Amino acid sequence: MRNINLDDATIEYEGKWLTIKDLTQEIQKKIDSGEMKFAELAGALEELNQALENAQTLSIKLVLDKRDYETLKAKGQADDRTCLRKAIQAFISKEVTPLKDEFAETMVYNAIPKQLKKKVKIKCAGCGKPIPVDLDQEESEIQCGHCGARGLLKQRQME
């Protein structure tokens, strides 16, 4: 597997970055000179063609606040396109559970006297991981940041 630059539609071959046109010209030169050993060039051409056929271009406008932008630049250590590509590749390489459209469960908690109300963590009904919840609200929709399960958080009155 050779290095491929999808932005420039080039492939690294013998230390040079070549386009499809460059590769076909090199193959043609070999044929014209009577040299029939061009299988490696043809392989590079095929590899580049397949990579380009399987590539998808995204046209996006992304607005970040300055702090997030600086964090992205620091982690990516390159231009904006490269930073975003690295971020997307890191995201898609993780196993991501799709968001569930339906409420996983209605989660109920005991009412807490107003003077004691604060943020707490409850156990997700979907994956069991903790979900931070603000108990100041009477009823609210919550979503697990781990598995994507959503639920309706209702307050149960103490009896």
C-alpha atoms as a PDB file:
ATOM      1  CA  MET A   1       0.000   0.000   0.000  1.00  0.00           C
ATOM      2  CA  ARG A   2       1.543   3.266  -1.148  1.00  0.00           C
ATOM      3  CA  ASN A   3       0.979   6.745   0.250  1.00  0.00           C
ATOM      4  CA  ILE A   4      -1.871   8.519  -1.530  1.00  0.00           C
ATOM      5  CA  ASN A   5      -2.780  12.201  -1.357  1.00  0.00           C
ATOM      6  CA  LEU A   6      -6.493  12.388  -2.204  1.00  0.00           C
ATOM      7  CA  ASP A   7      -6.505  16.205  -2.253  1.00  0.00           C
ATOM      8  CA  ASP A   8      -3.946  16.302  -5.054  1.00  0.00           C
ATOM      9  CA  ALA A   9      -4.962  12.958  -6.600  1.00  0.00           C
ATOM     10  CA  THR A  10      -1.359  11.757  -6.415  1.00  0.00           C
ATOM     11  CA  ILE A  11       0.430   8.608  -5.293  1.00  0.00           C
ATOM     12  CA  GLU A  12       3.973   8.254  -4.001  1.00  0.00           C
ATOM     13  CA  TYR A  13       6.018   6.108  -6.354  1.00  0.00           C
ATOM     14  CA  GLU A  14       9.817   5.747  -6.049  1.00  0.00           C
ATOM     15  CA  GLY A  15      10.046   8.917  -3.946  1.00  0.00           C
ATOM     16  CA  LYS A  16       7.956  11.049  -6.334  1.00  0.00           C
ATOM     17  CA  TRP A  17       4.324  12.135  -6.168  1.00  0.00           C
ATOM     18  CA  LEU A  18       2.666  11.179  -9.458  1.00  0.00           C
ATOM     19  CA  THR A  19      -0.770  11.890 -10.923  1.00  0.00           C
ATOM     20  CA  ILE A  20      -2.762   9.482 -13.073  1.00  0.00           C
ATOM     21  CA  LYS A  21      -1.469  11.345 -16.121  1.00  0.00           C
ATOM     22  CA  ASP A  22       2.146  11.005 -14.919  1.00  0.00           C
ATOM     23  CA  LEU A  23       1.711   7.267 -14.369  1.00  0.00           C
ATOM     24  CA  THR A  24       0.114   6.643 -17.758  1.00  0.00           C
ATOM     25  CA  GLN A  25       2.890   8.656 -19.460  1.00  0.00           C
ATOM     26  CA  GLU A  26       5.539   6.570 -17.677  1.00  0.00           C
ATOM     27  CA  ILE A  27       3.799   3.353 -18.745  1.00  0.00           C
ATOM     28  CA  GLN A  28       3.529   4.624 -22.327  1.00  0.00           C
ATOM     29  CA  LYS A  29       7.253   5.522 -22.384  1.00  0.00           C
ATOM     30  CA  LYS A  30       8.125   1.979 -21.329  1.00  0.00           C
ATOM     31  CA  ILE A  31       5.846   0.496 -23.993  1.00  0.00           C
ATOM     32  CA  ASP A  32       7.272   2.821 -26.675  1.00  0.00           C
ATOM     33  CA  SER A  33      10.833   1.871 -25.734  1.00  0.00           C
ATOM     34  CA  GLY A  34       9.975  -1.847 -25.928  1.00  0.00           C
ATOM     35  CA  GLU A  35      10.335  -2.391 -22.184  1.00  0.00           C
ATOM     36  CA  MET A  36       7.434  -4.489 -20.973  1.00  0.00           C
ATOM     37  CA  LYS A  37       8.234  -4.368 -17.260  1.00  0.00           C
ATOM     38  CA  PHE A  38       5.683  -1.839 -16.082  1.00  0.00           C
ATOM     39  CA  ALA A  39       3.541  -3.975 -13.770  1.00  0.00           C
ATOM     40  CA  GLU A  40       4.605  -1.957 -10.707  1.00  0.00           C
ATOM     41  CA  LEU A  41       3.605   1.315 -12.417  1.00  0.00           C
ATOM     42  CA  ALA A  42       0.312  -0.250 -13.490  1.00  0.00           C
ATOM     43  CA  GLY A  43      -0.256  -1.406  -9.902  1.00  0.00           C
ATOM     44  CA  ALA A  44       0.319   2.129  -8.620  1.00  0.00           C
ATOM     45  CA  LEU A  45      -2.068   3.461 -11.268  1.00  0.00           C
ATOM     46  CA  GLU A  46      -4.729   0.924 -10.242  1.00  0.00           C
ATOM     47  CA  GLU A  47      -4.224   1.716  -6.552  1.00  0.00           C
ATOM     48  CA  LEU A  48      -4.628   5.463  -7.187  1.00  0.00           C
ATOM     49  CA  ASN A  49      -7.698   4.895  -9.385  1.00  0.00           C
ATOM     50  CA  GLN A  50      -9.371   2.747  -6.731  1.00  0.00           C
ATOM     51  CA  ALA A  51      -8.604   5.259  -3.993  1.00  0.00           C
ATOM     52  CA  LEU A  52     -10.097   8.092  -6.045  1.00  0.00           C
ATOM     53  CA  GLU A  53     -13.174   6.043  -6.979  1.00  0.00           C
ATOM     54  CA  ASN A  54     -13.776   5.255  -3.308  1.00  0.00           C
ATOM     55  CA  ALA A  55     -13.188   8.811  -2.092  1.00  0.00           C
ATOM     56  CA  GLN A  56     -16.040  11.092  -1.054  1.00  0.00           C
ATOM     57  CA  THR A  57     -15.697  14.868  -1.006  1.00  0.00           C
ATOM     58  CA  LEU A  58     -17.385  16.767   1.810  1.00  0.00           C
ATOM     59  CA  SER A  59     -18.146  20.437   1.387  1.00  0.00           C
ATOM     60  CA  ILE A  60     -18.851  21.874   4.794  1.00  0.00           C
ATOM     61  CA  LYS A  61     -18.845  25.135   6.638  1.00  0.00           C
ATOM     62  CA  LEU A  62     -17.876  24.637  10.250  1.00  0.00           C
ATOM     63  CA  VAL A  63     -17.962  27.382  12.841  1.00  0.00           C
ATOM     64  CA  LEU A  64     -16.029  26.843  16.072  1.00  0.00           C
ATOM     65  CA  ASP A  65     -15.429  29.160  18.946  1.00  0.00           C
ATOM     66  CA  LYS A  66     -11.839  30.334  19.274  1.00  0.00           C
ATOM     67  CA  ARG A  67     -10.985  27.957  22.138  1.00  0.00           C
ATOM     68  CA  ASP A  68     -12.242  24.875  20.257  1.00  0.00           C
ATOM     69  CA  TYR A  69     -10.450  26.004  17.103  1.00  0.00           C
ATOM     70  CA  GLU A  70      -7.156  26.414  18.967  1.00  0.00           C
ATOM     71  CA  THR A  71      -7.612  22.981  20.548  1.00  0.00           C
ATOM     72  CA  LEU A  72      -8.253  21.452  17.112  1.00  0.00           C
ATOM     73  CA  LYS A  73      -5.146  23.131  15.682  1.00  0.00           C
ATOM     74  CA  ALA A  74      -3.015  22.002  18.630  1.00  0.00           C
ATOM     75  CA  LYS A  75      -4.123  18.388  18.254  1.00  0.00           C
ATOM     76  CA  GLY A  76      -3.962  18.341  14.459  1.00  0.00           C
ATOM     77  CA  GLN A  77      -0.675  20.244  14.140  1.00  0.00           C
ATOM     78  CA  ALA A  78      -1.418  21.135  10.523  1.00  0.00           C
ATOM     79  CA  ASP A  79      -3.708  23.113   8.264  1.00  0.00           C
ATOM     80  CA  ASP A  80      -7.468  23.204   8.851  1.00  0.00           C
ATOM     81  CA  ARG A  81      -8.280  20.514   6.270  1.00  0.00           C
ATOM     82  CA  THR A  82      -5.749  18.101   7.723  1.00  0.00           C
ATOM     83  CA  CYS A  83      -6.941  18.817  11.274  1.00  0.00           C
ATOM     84  CA  LEU A  84     -10.543  18.099  10.301  1.00  0.00           C
ATOM     85  CA  ARG A  85      -9.583  14.972   8.379  1.00  0.00           C
ATOM     86  CA  LYS A  86      -7.671  13.653  11.397  1.00  0.00           C
ATOM     87  CA  ALA A  87     -10.576  14.465  13.715  1.00  0.00           C
ATOM     88  CA  ILE A  88     -13.077  12.732  11.443  1.00  0.00           C
ATOM     89  CA  GLN A  89     -10.821   9.704  11.005  1.00  0.00           C
ATOM     90  CA  ALA A  90     -10.334   9.461  14.777  1.00  0.00           C
ATOM     91  CA  PHE A  91     -14.094   9.686  15.262  1.00  0.00           C
ATOM     92  CA  ILE A  92     -15.017   7.077  12.652  1.00  0.00           C
ATOM     93  CA  SER A  93     -12.305   4.664  13.772  1.00  0.00           C
ATOM     94  CA  LYS A  94     -13.988   4.417  17.181  1.00  0.00           C
ATOM     95  CA  GLU A  95     -16.884   2.054  17.587  1.00  0.00           C
ATOM     96  CA  VAL A  96     -19.842   4.405  17.689  1.00  0.00           C
ATOM     97  CA  THR A  97     -23.284   3.176  18.641  1.00  0.00           C
ATOM     98  CA  PRO A  98     -25.967   4.897  16.577  1.00  0.00           C
ATOM     99  CA  LEU A  99     -28.379   7.105  18.455  1.00  0.00           C
ATOM    100  CA  LYS A 100     -31.581   5.380  19.410  1.00  0.00           C
ATOM    101  CA  ASP A 101     -34.686   7.135  18.166  1.00  0.00           C
ATOM    102  CA  GLU A 102     -36.963   5.863  20.869  1.00  0.00           C
ATOM    103  CA  PHE A 103     -36.744   6.574  24.550  1.00  0.00           C
ATOM    104  CA  ALA A 104     -34.858   3.757  26.198  1.00  0.00           C
ATOM    105  CA  GLU A 105     -36.758   4.063  29.412  1.00  0.00           C
ATOM    106  CA  THR A 106     -38.356   6.586  31.700  1.00  0.00           C
ATOM    107  CA  MET A 107     -35.937   7.045  34.565  1.00  0.00           C
ATOM    108  CA  VAL A 108     -37.404   8.029  37.884  1.00  0.00           C
ATOM    109  CA  TYR A 109     -35.694   9.516  40.913  1.00  0.00           C
ATOM    110  CA  ASN A 110     -36.894  10.546  44.314  1.00  0.00           C
ATOM    111  CA  ALA A 111     -37.681  14.209  44.813  1.00  0.00           C
ATOM    112  CA  ILE A 112     -35.011  16.037  46.743  1.00  0.00           C
ATOM    113  CA  PRO A 113     -35.778  19.029  48.930  1.00  0.00           C
ATOM    114  CA  LYS A 114     -34.991  22.264  47.040  1.00  0.00           C
ATOM    115  CA  GLN A 115     -32.188  23.247  49.410  1.00  0.00           C
ATOM    116  CA  LEU A 116     -30.331  19.986  48.589  1.00  0.00           C
ATOM    117  CA  LYS A 117     -30.851  19.951  44.808  1.00  0.00           C
ATOM    118  CA  LYS A 118     -27.695  19.714  42.758  1.00  0.00           C
ATOM    119  CA  LYS A 119     -26.136  17.907  39.847  1.00  0.00           C
ATOM    120  CA  VAL A 120     -25.875  14.142  40.269  1.00  0.00           C
ATOM    121  CA  LYS A 121     -25.091  11.160  38.076  1.00  0.00           C
ATOM    122  CA  ILE A 122     -27.605   8.447  37.319  1.00  0.00           C
ATOM    123  CA  LYS A 123     -27.045   5.080  35.693  1.00  0.00           C
ATOM    124  CA  CYS A 124     -27.992   4.836  31.980  1.00  0.00           C
ATOM    125  CA  ALA A 125     -30.712   2.277  31.346  1.00  0.00           C
ATOM    126  CA  GLY A 126     -29.054   1.385  28.031  1.00  0.00           C
ATOM    127  CA  CYS A 127     -25.381   0.840  28.874  1.00  0.00           C
ATOM    128  CA  GLY A 128     -25.143   1.347  32.619  1.00  0.00           C
ATOM    129  CA  LYS A 129     -22.636   4.224  32.359  1.00  0.00           C
ATOM    130  CA  PRO A 130     -23.180   7.364  34.481  1.00  0.00           C
ATOM    131  CA  ILE A 131     -25.122  10.330  33.042  1.00  0.00           C
ATOM    132  CA  PRO A 132     -24.714  13.749  34.717  1.00  0.00           C
ATOM    133  CA  VAL A 133     -28.152  15.214  35.503  1.00  0.00           C
ATOM    134  CA  ASP A 134     -29.281  18.584  36.860  1.00  0.00           C
ATOM    135  CA  LEU A 135     -31.975  17.786  39.396  1.00  0.00           C
ATOM    136  CA  ASP A 136     -33.344  21.346  39.462  1.00  0.00           C
ATOM    137  CA  GLN A 137     -35.717  20.517  36.623  1.00  0.00           C
ATOM    138  CA  GLU A 138     -39.023  18.800  37.313  1.00  0.00           C
ATOM    139  CA  GLU A 139     -38.962  16.752  34.110  1.00  0.00           C
ATOM    140  CA  SER A 140     -36.370  16.672  31.348  1.00  0.00           C
ATOM    141  CA  GLU A 141     -35.165  14.650  28.417  1.00  0.00           C
ATOM    142  CA  ILE A 142     -31.667  13.241  28.815  1.00  0.00           C
ATOM    143  CA  GLN A 143     -29.291  11.468  26.476  1.00  0.00           C
ATOM    144  CA  CYS A 144     -26.405   9.175  27.338  1.00  0.00           C
ATOM    145  CA  GLY A 145     -23.118  10.471  26.016  1.00  0.00           C
ATOM    146  CA  HIS A 146     -21.770   6.929  25.762  1.00  0.00           C
ATOM    147  CA  CYS A 147     -24.417   4.863  23.952  1.00  0.00           C
ATOM    148  CA  GLY A 148     -26.814   7.546  22.714  1.00  0.00           C
ATOM    149  CA  ALA A 149     -29.825   6.172  24.590  1.00  0.00           C
ATOM    150  CA  ARG A 150     -32.388   8.844  25.352  1.00  0.00           C
ATOM    151  CA  GLY A 151     -34.901   8.930  28.138  1.00  0.00           C
ATOM    152  CA  LEU A 152     -37.332  11.086  30.003  1.00  0.00           C
ATOM    153  CA  LEU A 153     -36.250  11.903  33.521  1.00  0.00           C
ATOM    154  CA  LYS A 154     -39.197  12.296  35.874  1.00  0.00           C
ATOM    155  CA  GLN A 155     -39.212  13.221  39.526  1.00  0.00           C
ATOM    156  CA  ARG A 156     -40.873  10.786  41.897  1.00  0.00           C
ATOM    157  CA  GLN A 157     -42.432  12.507  44.901  1.00  0.00           C
ATOM    158  CA  MET A 158     -41.299  11.130  48.261  1.00  0.00           C
ATOM    159  CA  GLU A 159     -44.090   9.544  50.213  1.00  0.00           C
END
